[in-house]
Amino acid sequence: MIRSRAHQLWLHEGQPEGRALEHWLTAQREHAANEVAAPWYDRAFAGPEIDWMRRVLWKPQPFVATH
């Protein structure tokens, strides 16, 4: 699937030389964005909740010196 999409990108751009890796990585990103195993939540919506969880769960602990 990725190889086929990379080939389509290459053809669409006029078959340029030396850009195979760029086309491959673009095809991989497109595939990952459309993959079924994508997160079940909407990242844009979950932003405030994630920020809240970070503040609550990862509060810095006070420093206690031990001798």
Protein backbone atom coordinates (compact mmCIF):
# COMPACT_ATOMS: atom_id res chain seq x y z
CA MET A 1 0.00 0.00 0.00
CA ILE A 2 2.77 2.44 0.92
CA ARG A 3 4.83 1.52 -2.12
CA SER A 4 1.86 2.06 -4.40
CA ARG A 5 1.07 5.47 -2.87
CA ALA A 6 4.73 6.53 -3.05
CA HIS A 7 4.72 5.57 -6.72
CA GLN A 8 1.57 7.63 -7.31
CA LEU A 9 3.19 10.64 -5.65
CA TRP A 10 6.28 10.21 -7.80
CA LEU A 11 4.20 10.04 -10.97
CA HIS A 12 2.08 13.02 -9.94
CA GLU A 13 5.20 15.15 -9.42
CA GLY A 14 6.58 14.31 -12.87
CA GLN A 15 8.91 11.45 -11.92
CA PRO A 16 11.67 13.55 -10.29
CA GLU A 17 15.02 11.94 -9.58
CA GLY A 18 16.37 11.60 -6.03
CA ARG A 19 13.12 12.08 -4.09
CA ALA A 20 12.20 8.47 -3.42
CA LEU A 21 12.68 8.75 0.34
CA GLU A 22 10.50 11.87 0.51
CA HIS A 23 7.71 10.13 -1.40
CA TRP A 24 8.02 7.01 0.76
CA LEU A 25 7.83 8.99 4.02
CA THR A 26 4.85 11.00 2.77
CA ALA A 27 3.06 7.77 1.87
CA GLN A 28 3.87 6.33 5.31
CA ARG A 29 2.47 9.42 7.07
CA GLU A 30 -0.72 9.25 4.98
CA HIS A 31 -1.11 5.57 5.78
CA ALA A 32 -0.57 6.13 9.51
CA ALA A 33 -3.15 8.94 9.52
CA ASN A 34 -5.75 6.67 7.94
CA GLU A 35 -4.86 3.50 9.82
CA VAL A 36 -7.65 1.70 11.64
CA ALA A 37 -5.55 1.47 14.79
CA ALA A 38 -5.55 5.25 15.16
CA PRO A 39 -6.40 6.61 18.62
CA TRP A 40 -10.07 6.38 19.52
CA TYR A 41 -10.14 9.96 20.76
CA ASP A 42 -9.88 13.23 18.89
CA ARG A 43 -6.53 14.74 19.82
CA ALA A 44 -7.81 18.31 19.35
CA PHE A 45 -10.66 17.70 21.79
CA ALA A 46 -8.57 15.76 24.31
CA GLY A 47 -5.97 18.53 24.65
CA PRO A 48 -7.46 20.28 27.72
CA GLU A 49 -8.11 16.96 29.46
CA ILE A 50 -4.54 15.81 28.86
CA ASP A 51 -3.20 19.10 30.23
CA TRP A 52 -5.35 18.69 33.34
CA MET A 53 -4.15 15.11 33.85
CA ARG A 54 -0.52 16.19 33.54
CA ARG A 55 -1.00 18.89 36.17
CA VAL A 56 -2.74 16.50 38.58
CA LEU A 57 -0.67 13.36 38.09
CA TRP A 58 2.79 14.76 37.56
CA LYS A 59 3.02 17.46 40.19
CA PRO A 60 6.58 18.05 41.35
CA GLN A 61 7.29 16.60 44.74
CA PRO A 62 8.92 18.74 47.43
CA PHE A 63 12.61 18.21 47.89
CA VAL A 64 13.53 16.61 51.19
CA ALA A 65 17.20 16.47 52.04
CA THR A 66 18.33 13.36 53.86
CA HIS A 67 21.65 13.08 55.65
